[in-house]
Amino acid sequence: MQRVLIVEDEKPASNRLLSLIGELRPNYQIVGIEDSIEGTVNWFQKGGTADLLFLDIHLADGNSFYIFDQAKINTPIIFTTAYDQYAIKAFKLNSIDYLLKPIDKQDLLKSIEKFEKANPLEHNEIKSVLETLKLRNKEYKTRFLVRYVDKLISIPSQDISYFISEEKIVFLYANNSRYAVDFTLDHLEEVLEPTMFFRINRKCIASMKGIAKISIHFNGKLKVDLNPAVATDDLIISKEKSSDFKRWLDR
């Protein structure tokens, strides 16, 4: 007998899933129905176990991948989601199924059969799915609060030309002005939207608007001139990073 946990915050959706599982696999035991991140984490932390987890991606109290930051879960998962077909097709590359709401009976059957035929070792691929979800759902900084003389100014990320490290201080350049910020470039690389900003090298992270000119350097490297110009050594993109940089420019 397979034990099933359902995590779904929409009552009609959870009722439909219960009904369909009852039709397709009457021998399956529903061991719990949770409707939040907090409730699911508590369920597992109190010793709850299941053989299969049906997990809605978007719950009332946040994205469900946060569950895995708080509880150790090795249970194979079938995600349920309102994402479009394109997103689902991409996620299917990870060998863990997704069901589009409203759940279709035949799609559910195929997902269950896939679960029943799967090698248990394949369930480790859940980790790669979660990483994909985190990237898709990660919230990046949209504003930076900076000090200018005796004032505080909130600068939108889209107004920033670049961040650059000068004499161990990181400066933000925006609207032809410079402001010191209390971030390292490594930290900034984590919190900035990667489609908007690119780590040029160890000294600089630039946005598209902050790049004035790109020149071909020797040995496959690239040279970047910034806007506004800055008095620093040449900003060189290594041969190893130049391909990623070109893809970033061409997205």
C-alpha atoms as a PDB file:
ATOM      1  CA  MET A   1       0.000   0.000   0.000  1.00  0.00           C
ATOM      2  CA  GLN A   2       1.362   3.393  -1.004  1.00  0.00           C
ATOM      3  CA  ARG A   3       0.982   6.234   1.479  1.00  0.00           C
ATOM      4  CA  VAL A   4       0.178   9.613  -0.072  1.00  0.00           C
ATOM      5  CA  LEU A   5       0.447  13.150   1.300  1.00  0.00           C
ATOM      6  CA  ILE A   6      -1.384  15.942  -0.526  1.00  0.00           C
ATOM      7  CA  VAL A   7      -0.274  19.551  -0.124  1.00  0.00           C
ATOM      8  CA  GLU A   8      -2.817  21.861  -1.736  1.00  0.00           C
ATOM      9  CA  ASP A   9      -4.367  25.125  -0.527  1.00  0.00           C
ATOM     10  CA  GLU A  10      -7.365  25.122  -2.891  1.00  0.00           C
ATOM     11  CA  LYS A  11     -10.169  22.945  -1.543  1.00  0.00           C
ATOM     12  CA  PRO A  12     -11.722  22.125  -4.949  1.00  0.00           C
ATOM     13  CA  ALA A  13      -8.300  21.070  -6.259  1.00  0.00           C
ATOM     14  CA  SER A  14      -7.541  18.829  -3.269  1.00  0.00           C
ATOM     15  CA  ASN A  15     -11.027  17.282  -3.458  1.00  0.00           C
ATOM     16  CA  ARG A  16     -10.567  16.532  -7.147  1.00  0.00           C
ATOM     17  CA  LEU A  17      -7.180  14.961  -6.523  1.00  0.00           C
ATOM     18  CA  LEU A  18      -8.624  12.844  -3.703  1.00  0.00           C
ATOM     19  CA  SER A  19     -11.449  11.664  -5.941  1.00  0.00           C
ATOM     20  CA  LEU A  20      -9.180  10.801  -8.871  1.00  0.00           C
ATOM     21  CA  ILE A  21      -6.678   8.929  -6.700  1.00  0.00           C
ATOM     22  CA  GLY A  22      -9.571   6.999  -5.188  1.00  0.00           C
ATOM     23  CA  GLU A  23     -10.724   5.972  -8.670  1.00  0.00           C
ATOM     24  CA  LEU A  24      -7.319   5.127 -10.099  1.00  0.00           C
ATOM     25  CA  ARG A  25      -5.640   3.635  -7.035  1.00  0.00           C
ATOM     26  CA  PRO A  26      -8.223   2.708  -4.364  1.00  0.00           C
ATOM     27  CA  ASN A  27      -5.467   0.851  -2.499  1.00  0.00           C
ATOM     28  CA  TYR A  28      -3.496   4.050  -1.937  1.00  0.00           C
ATOM     29  CA  GLN A  29      -3.758   5.483   1.580  1.00  0.00           C
ATOM     30  CA  ILE A  30      -4.082   9.260   1.979  1.00  0.00           C
ATOM     31  CA  VAL A  31      -2.069   9.921   5.125  1.00  0.00           C
ATOM     32  CA  GLY A  32      -2.589  13.658   5.210  1.00  0.00           C
ATOM     33  CA  ILE A  33      -3.768  16.819   3.497  1.00  0.00           C
ATOM     34  CA  GLU A  34      -1.910  20.044   4.239  1.00  0.00           C
ATOM     35  CA  ASP A  35      -2.616  23.508   2.844  1.00  0.00           C
ATOM     36  CA  SER A  36       0.462  25.530   3.813  1.00  0.00           C
ATOM     37  CA  ILE A  37       4.243  25.540   4.077  1.00  0.00           C
ATOM     38  CA  GLU A  38       4.038  25.737   7.871  1.00  0.00           C
ATOM     39  CA  GLY A  39       1.604  22.831   8.140  1.00  0.00           C
ATOM     40  CA  THR A  40       3.635  20.625   5.808  1.00  0.00           C
ATOM     41  CA  VAL A  41       6.893  21.333   7.633  1.00  0.00           C
ATOM     42  CA  ASN A  42       5.222  20.515  10.964  1.00  0.00           C
ATOM     43  CA  TRP A  43       3.789  17.309   9.498  1.00  0.00           C
ATOM     44  CA  PHE A  44       7.219  16.044   8.493  1.00  0.00           C
ATOM     45  CA  GLN A  45       8.988  17.321  11.614  1.00  0.00           C
ATOM     46  CA  LYS A  46       6.511  15.394  13.766  1.00  0.00           C
ATOM     47  CA  GLY A  47       7.550  12.175  12.045  1.00  0.00           C
ATOM     48  CA  GLY A  48       5.044  11.995   9.198  1.00  0.00           C
ATOM     49  CA  THR A  49       6.152   9.745   6.335  1.00  0.00           C
ATOM     50  CA  ALA A  50       4.754   9.154   2.864  1.00  0.00           C
ATOM     51  CA  ASP A  51       5.692   7.198  -0.241  1.00  0.00           C
ATOM     52  CA  LEU A  52       4.431   9.866  -2.632  1.00  0.00           C
ATOM     53  CA  LEU A  53       3.853  13.589  -2.273  1.00  0.00           C
ATOM     54  CA  PHE A  54       1.480  15.652  -4.406  1.00  0.00           C
ATOM     55  CA  LEU A  55       2.715  19.202  -3.983  1.00  0.00           C
ATOM     56  CA  ASP A  56       1.159  22.445  -5.185  1.00  0.00           C
ATOM     57  CA  ILE A  57       3.907  24.903  -6.143  1.00  0.00           C
ATOM     58  CA  HIS A  58       2.175  28.082  -4.985  1.00  0.00           C
ATOM     59  CA  LEU A  59       0.648  27.958  -1.515  1.00  0.00           C
ATOM     60  CA  ALA A  60      -1.069  30.724   0.411  1.00  0.00           C
ATOM     61  CA  ASP A  61       2.010  31.352   2.570  1.00  0.00           C
ATOM     62  CA  GLY A  62       4.621  31.172  -0.200  1.00  0.00           C
ATOM     63  CA  ASN A  63       6.339  28.976  -2.743  1.00  0.00           C
ATOM     64  CA  SER A  64       6.377  25.352  -1.679  1.00  0.00           C
ATOM     65  CA  PHE A  65      10.085  24.827  -2.265  1.00  0.00           C
ATOM     66  CA  TYR A  66      10.679  26.652   1.031  1.00  0.00           C
ATOM     67  CA  ILE A  67       9.383  23.488   2.687  1.00  0.00           C
ATOM     68  CA  PHE A  68      12.630  21.793   1.753  1.00  0.00           C
ATOM     69  CA  ASP A  69      14.693  24.466   3.466  1.00  0.00           C
ATOM     70  CA  GLN A  70      13.052  23.559   6.768  1.00  0.00           C
ATOM     71  CA  ALA A  71      12.428  19.822   6.613  1.00  0.00           C
ATOM     72  CA  LYS A  72      14.408  16.888   5.278  1.00  0.00           C
ATOM     73  CA  ILE A  73      12.216  15.192   2.679  1.00  0.00           C
ATOM     74  CA  ASN A  74      13.253  12.326   0.424  1.00  0.00           C
ATOM     75  CA  THR A  75       9.745  11.494  -0.746  1.00  0.00           C
ATOM     76  CA  PRO A  76       9.222  11.390  -4.542  1.00  0.00           C
ATOM     77  CA  ILE A  77       7.067  14.272  -5.713  1.00  0.00           C
ATOM     78  CA  ILE A  78       4.434  14.950  -8.334  1.00  0.00           C
ATOM     79  CA  PHE A  79       4.064  18.719  -8.539  1.00  0.00           C
ATOM     80  CA  THR A  80       0.698  20.275  -9.276  1.00  0.00           C
ATOM     81  CA  THR A  81       0.756  23.711 -10.798  1.00  0.00           C
ATOM     82  CA  ALA A  82      -1.043  26.376 -12.751  1.00  0.00           C
ATOM     83  CA  TYR A  83       2.094  27.037 -14.787  1.00  0.00           C
ATOM     84  CA  ASP A  84       1.747  27.003 -18.551  1.00  0.00           C
ATOM     85  CA  GLN A  85       2.654  24.048 -20.753  1.00  0.00           C
ATOM     86  CA  TYR A  86       6.007  25.555 -21.730  1.00  0.00           C
ATOM     87  CA  ALA A  87       7.191  25.684 -18.132  1.00  0.00           C
ATOM     88  CA  ILE A  88       5.954  22.168 -17.480  1.00  0.00           C
ATOM     89  CA  LYS A  89       7.803  20.842 -20.517  1.00  0.00           C
ATOM     90  CA  ALA A  90      11.027  22.345 -19.192  1.00  0.00           C
ATOM     91  CA  PHE A  91      10.505  20.889 -15.710  1.00  0.00           C
ATOM     92  CA  LYS A  92       9.846  17.424 -17.107  1.00  0.00           C
ATOM     93  CA  LEU A  93      13.522  17.206 -18.020  1.00  0.00           C
ATOM     94  CA  ASN A  94      14.157  16.395 -14.364  1.00  0.00           C
ATOM     95  CA  SER A  95      12.191  13.090 -14.538  1.00  0.00           C
ATOM     96  CA  ILE A  96       9.709  14.194 -11.845  1.00  0.00           C
ATOM     97  CA  ASP A  97       6.185  14.767 -13.151  1.00  0.00           C
ATOM     98  CA  TYR A  98       4.074  17.888 -13.123  1.00  0.00           C
ATOM     99  CA  LEU A  99       0.317  18.080 -13.446  1.00  0.00           C
ATOM    100  CA  LEU A 100      -1.430  21.114 -14.834  1.00  0.00           C
ATOM    101  CA  LYS A 101      -4.553  22.263 -13.006  1.00  0.00           C
ATOM    102  CA  PRO A 102      -7.329  21.312 -13.368  1.00  0.00           C
ATOM    103  CA  ILE A 103      -5.837  17.845 -13.178  1.00  0.00           C
ATOM    104  CA  ASP A 104      -6.722  15.515 -16.013  1.00  0.00           C
ATOM    105  CA  LYS A 105      -7.484  11.920 -15.064  1.00  0.00           C
ATOM    106  CA  GLN A 106      -5.313  10.375 -17.773  1.00  0.00           C
ATOM    107  CA  ASP A 107      -2.405  12.696 -16.987  1.00  0.00           C
ATOM    108  CA  LEU A 108      -2.658  11.692 -13.342  1.00  0.00           C
ATOM    109  CA  LEU A 109      -2.665   8.016 -14.278  1.00  0.00           C
ATOM    110  CA  LYS A 110       0.506   8.454 -16.336  1.00  0.00           C
ATOM    111  CA  SER A 111       2.204  10.251 -13.456  1.00  0.00           C
ATOM    112  CA  ILE A 112       1.257   7.518 -10.997  1.00  0.00           C
ATOM    113  CA  GLU A 113       2.467   4.811 -13.371  1.00  0.00           C
ATOM    114  CA  LYS A 114       5.739   6.663 -13.795  1.00  0.00           C
ATOM    115  CA  PHE A 115       6.101   6.803 -10.009  1.00  0.00           C
ATOM    116  CA  GLU A 116       5.369   3.086  -9.674  1.00  0.00           C
ATOM    117  CA  LYS A 117       7.914   2.124 -12.337  1.00  0.00           C
ATOM    118  CA  ALA A 118      10.653   4.482 -11.195  1.00  0.00           C
ATOM    119  CA  ASN A 119      13.931   3.319  -9.750  1.00  0.00           C
ATOM    120  CA  PRO A 120      14.115   4.711  -6.181  1.00  0.00           C
ATOM    121  CA  LEU A 121      17.520   6.169  -6.970  1.00  0.00           C
ATOM    122  CA  GLU A 122      15.898   8.450  -9.517  1.00  0.00           C
ATOM    123  CA  HIS A 123      14.083  10.276  -6.745  1.00  0.00           C
ATOM    124  CA  ASN A 124      17.341  12.041  -5.901  1.00  0.00           C
ATOM    125  CA  GLU A 125      16.593  14.159  -8.957  1.00  0.00           C
ATOM    126  CA  ILE A 126      14.095  16.036  -6.782  1.00  0.00           C
ATOM    127  CA  LYS A 127      17.028  18.157  -5.676  1.00  0.00           C
ATOM    128  CA  SER A 128      17.669  19.393  -9.193  1.00  0.00           C
ATOM    129  CA  VAL A 129      13.971  20.201  -9.598  1.00  0.00           C
ATOM    130  CA  LEU A 130      14.045  22.279  -6.427  1.00  0.00           C
ATOM    131  CA  GLU A 131      17.097  24.165  -7.614  1.00  0.00           C
ATOM    132  CA  THR A 132      15.262  24.956 -10.848  1.00  0.00           C
ATOM    133  CA  LEU A 133      12.251  26.170  -8.875  1.00  0.00           C
ATOM    134  CA  LYS A 134      14.385  28.315  -6.630  1.00  0.00           C
ATOM    135  CA  LEU A 135      15.972  30.012  -9.602  1.00  0.00           C
ATOM    136  CA  ARG A 136      12.597  30.620 -11.221  1.00  0.00           C
ATOM    137  CA  ASN A 137      10.991  31.917  -8.049  1.00  0.00           C
ATOM    138  CA  LYS A 138      13.891  33.675  -6.381  1.00  0.00           C
ATOM    139  CA  GLU A 139      13.192  37.258  -5.407  1.00  0.00           C
ATOM    140  CA  TYR A 140      15.966  39.683  -6.346  1.00  0.00           C
ATOM    141  CA  LYS A 141      16.651  43.150  -4.956  1.00  0.00           C
ATOM    142  CA  THR A 142      14.660  45.819  -6.738  1.00  0.00           C
ATOM    143  CA  ARG A 143      15.972  48.869  -4.840  1.00  0.00           C
ATOM    144  CA  PHE A 144      19.070  49.971  -2.928  1.00  0.00           C
ATOM    145  CA  LEU A 145      18.956  52.431  -0.055  1.00  0.00           C
ATOM    146  CA  VAL A 146      22.048  54.677  -0.130  1.00  0.00           C
ATOM    147  CA  ARG A 147      23.252  57.681   1.847  1.00  0.00           C
ATOM    148  CA  TYR A 148      24.066  60.969   0.152  1.00  0.00           C
ATOM    149  CA  VAL A 149      25.436  63.620   2.538  1.00  0.00           C
ATOM    150  CA  ASP A 150      22.614  63.857   5.105  1.00  0.00           C
ATOM    151  CA  LYS A 151      19.941  62.222   2.946  1.00  0.00           C
ATOM    152  CA  LEU A 152      18.801  58.679   2.257  1.00  0.00           C
ATOM    153  CA  ILE A 153      17.982  57.834  -1.352  1.00  0.00           C
ATOM    154  CA  SER A 154      16.261  54.718  -2.670  1.00  0.00           C
ATOM    155  CA  ILE A 155      17.628  53.775  -6.086  1.00  0.00           C
ATOM    156  CA  PRO A 156      15.728  51.325  -8.315  1.00  0.00           C
ATOM    157  CA  SER A 157      17.866  48.496  -9.673  1.00  0.00           C
ATOM    158  CA  GLN A 158      16.949  49.408 -13.248  1.00  0.00           C
ATOM    159  CA  ASP A 159      18.599  52.826 -12.759  1.00  0.00           C
ATOM    160  CA  ILE A 160      21.956  51.331 -11.776  1.00  0.00           C
ATOM    161  CA  SER A 161      24.764  51.354 -14.331  1.00  0.00           C
ATOM    162  CA  TYR A 162      27.235  49.222 -12.408  1.00  0.00           C
ATOM    163  CA  PHE A 163      28.830  48.297  -9.089  1.00  0.00           C
ATOM    164  CA  ILE A 164      32.594  48.538  -8.806  1.00  0.00           C
ATOM    165  CA  SER A 165      35.128  47.838  -6.090  1.00  0.00           C
ATOM    166  CA  GLU A 166      37.633  50.635  -5.510  1.00  0.00           C
ATOM    167  CA  GLU A 167      40.192  50.387  -2.709  1.00  0.00           C
ATOM    168  CA  LYS A 168      38.129  47.725  -0.898  1.00  0.00           C
ATOM    169  CA  ILE A 169      34.940  49.826  -1.025  1.00  0.00           C
ATOM    170  CA  VAL A 170      32.051  48.891  -3.320  1.00  0.00           C
ATOM    171  CA  PHE A 171      30.373  51.789  -5.108  1.00  0.00           C
ATOM    172  CA  LEU A 172      27.062  51.937  -6.916  1.00  0.00           C
ATOM    173  CA  TYR A 173      26.920  54.144 -10.019  1.00  0.00           C
ATOM    174  CA  ALA A 174      23.516  55.451 -11.054  1.00  0.00           C
ATOM    175  CA  ASN A 175      22.395  58.558 -12.947  1.00  0.00           C
ATOM    176  CA  ASN A 176      26.021  59.730 -13.185  1.00  0.00           C
ATOM    177  CA  SER A 177      26.402  59.695  -9.398  1.00  0.00           C
ATOM    178  CA  ARG A 178      28.419  57.425  -7.123  1.00  0.00           C
ATOM    179  CA  TYR A 179      27.329  55.962  -3.777  1.00  0.00           C
ATOM    180  CA  ALA A 180      29.094  53.642  -1.355  1.00  0.00           C
ATOM    181  CA  VAL A 181      27.122  50.491  -0.517  1.00  0.00           C
ATOM    182  CA  ASP A 182      27.512  48.021   2.305  1.00  0.00           C
ATOM    183  CA  PHE A 183      27.686  44.939   0.097  1.00  0.00           C
ATOM    184  CA  THR A 184      30.480  42.811  -1.278  1.00  0.00           C
ATOM    185  CA  LEU A 185      30.435  42.030  -4.986  1.00  0.00           C
ATOM    186  CA  ASP A 186      30.001  38.345  -4.138  1.00  0.00           C
ATOM    187  CA  HIS A 187      26.856  39.145  -2.155  1.00  0.00           C
ATOM    188  CA  LEU A 188      25.580  41.450  -4.873  1.00  0.00           C
ATOM    189  CA  GLU A 189      26.005  38.707  -7.426  1.00  0.00           C
ATOM    190  CA  GLU A 190      23.564  36.621  -5.379  1.00  0.00           C
ATOM    191  CA  VAL A 191      20.880  39.281  -4.932  1.00  0.00           C
ATOM    192  CA  LEU A 192      20.907  40.976  -8.346  1.00  0.00           C
ATOM    193  CA  GLU A 193      18.629  39.831 -11.174  1.00  0.00           C
ATOM    194  CA  PRO A 194      21.009  37.869 -13.483  1.00  0.00           C
ATOM    195  CA  THR A 195      19.226  38.962 -16.654  1.00  0.00           C
ATOM    196  CA  MET A 196      19.911  42.603 -15.703  1.00  0.00           C
ATOM    197  CA  PHE A 197      23.453  42.371 -14.316  1.00  0.00           C
ATOM    198  CA  PHE A 198      26.634  40.511 -15.249  1.00  0.00           C
ATOM    199  CA  ARG A 199      29.773  39.956 -13.161  1.00  0.00           C
ATOM    200  CA  ILE A 200      32.449  41.355 -15.478  1.00  0.00           C
ATOM    201  CA  ASN A 201      35.337  40.327 -13.255  1.00  0.00           C
ATOM    202  CA  ARG A 202      36.354  40.375  -9.597  1.00  0.00           C
ATOM    203  CA  LYS A 203      36.069  44.190  -9.514  1.00  0.00           C
ATOM    204  CA  CYS A 204      32.833  44.951 -11.358  1.00  0.00           C
ATOM    205  CA  ILE A 205      29.189  43.973 -11.893  1.00  0.00           C
ATOM    206  CA  ALA A 206      27.558  45.876 -14.757  1.00  0.00           C
ATOM    207  CA  SER A 207      24.087  46.335 -16.163  1.00  0.00           C
ATOM    208  CA  MET A 208      23.388  46.676 -19.873  1.00  0.00           C
ATOM    209  CA  LYS A 209      23.007  50.441 -19.550  1.00  0.00           C
ATOM    210  CA  GLY A 210      26.381  50.640 -17.808  1.00  0.00           C
ATOM    211  CA  ILE A 211      28.290  49.200 -20.764  1.00  0.00           C
ATOM    212  CA  ALA A 212      29.504  51.870 -23.191  1.00  0.00           C
ATOM    213  CA  LYS A 213      31.676  49.754 -25.471  1.00  0.00           C
ATOM    214  CA  ILE A 214      32.928  46.184 -25.863  1.00  0.00           C
ATOM    215  CA  SER A 215      36.203  45.524 -27.632  1.00  0.00           C
ATOM    216  CA  ILE A 216      37.779  42.256 -28.705  1.00  0.00           C
ATOM    217  CA  HIS A 217      40.911  41.690 -26.639  1.00  0.00           C
ATOM    218  CA  PHE A 218      43.682  39.188 -27.264  1.00  0.00           C
ATOM    219  CA  ASN A 219      43.453  35.446 -26.535  1.00  0.00           C
ATOM    220  CA  GLY A 220      39.638  35.406 -26.718  1.00  0.00           C
ATOM    221  CA  LYS A 221      39.182  37.991 -23.989  1.00  0.00           C
ATOM    222  CA  LEU A 222      36.888  41.040 -24.116  1.00  0.00           C
ATOM    223  CA  LYS A 223      37.497  44.586 -22.926  1.00  0.00           C
ATOM    224  CA  VAL A 224      34.594  46.599 -21.486  1.00  0.00           C
ATOM    225  CA  ASP A 225      34.302  50.387 -21.236  1.00  0.00           C
ATOM    226  CA  LEU A 226      31.770  51.652 -18.725  1.00  0.00           C
ATOM    227  CA  ASN A 227      29.225  54.458 -18.819  1.00  0.00           C
ATOM    228  CA  PRO A 228      29.868  56.665 -16.937  1.00  0.00           C
ATOM    229  CA  ALA A 229      33.600  56.143 -17.412  1.00  0.00           C
ATOM    230  CA  VAL A 230      35.595  55.197 -14.359  1.00  0.00           C
ATOM    231  CA  ALA A 231      39.280  55.691 -13.635  1.00  0.00           C
ATOM    232  CA  THR A 232      40.400  52.117 -13.096  1.00  0.00           C
ATOM    233  CA  ASP A 233      42.406  49.410 -14.749  1.00  0.00           C
ATOM    234  CA  ASP A 234      41.027  47.982 -17.963  1.00  0.00           C
ATOM    235  CA  LEU A 235      37.967  45.850 -17.293  1.00  0.00           C
ATOM    236  CA  ILE A 236      38.745  42.564 -18.966  1.00  0.00           C
ATOM    237  CA  ILE A 237      36.394  39.607 -19.310  1.00  0.00           C
ATOM    238  CA  SER A 238      38.307  36.359 -19.288  1.00  0.00           C
ATOM    239  CA  LYS A 239      38.207  33.906 -22.172  1.00  0.00           C
ATOM    240  CA  GLU A 240      36.297  31.481 -19.921  1.00  0.00           C
ATOM    241  CA  LYS A 241      33.555  34.028 -19.165  1.00  0.00           C
ATOM    242  CA  SER A 242      33.349  35.657 -22.594  1.00  0.00           C
ATOM    243  CA  SER A 243      30.906  33.050 -23.970  1.00  0.00           C
ATOM    244  CA  ASP A 244      28.550  33.548 -21.012  1.00  0.00           C
ATOM    245  CA  PHE A 245      28.822  37.299 -21.455  1.00  0.00           C
ATOM    246  CA  LYS A 246      27.894  37.087 -25.143  1.00  0.00           C
ATOM    247  CA  ARG A 247      24.883  34.930 -24.296  1.00  0.00           C
ATOM    248  CA  TRP A 248      23.851  37.466 -21.666  1.00  0.00           C
ATOM    249  CA  LEU A 249      24.069  40.271 -24.237  1.00  0.00           C
ATOM    250  CA  ASP A 250      22.103  38.258 -26.789  1.00  0.00           C
ATOM    251  CA  ARG A 251      19.237  37.082 -24.576  1.00  0.00           C
END
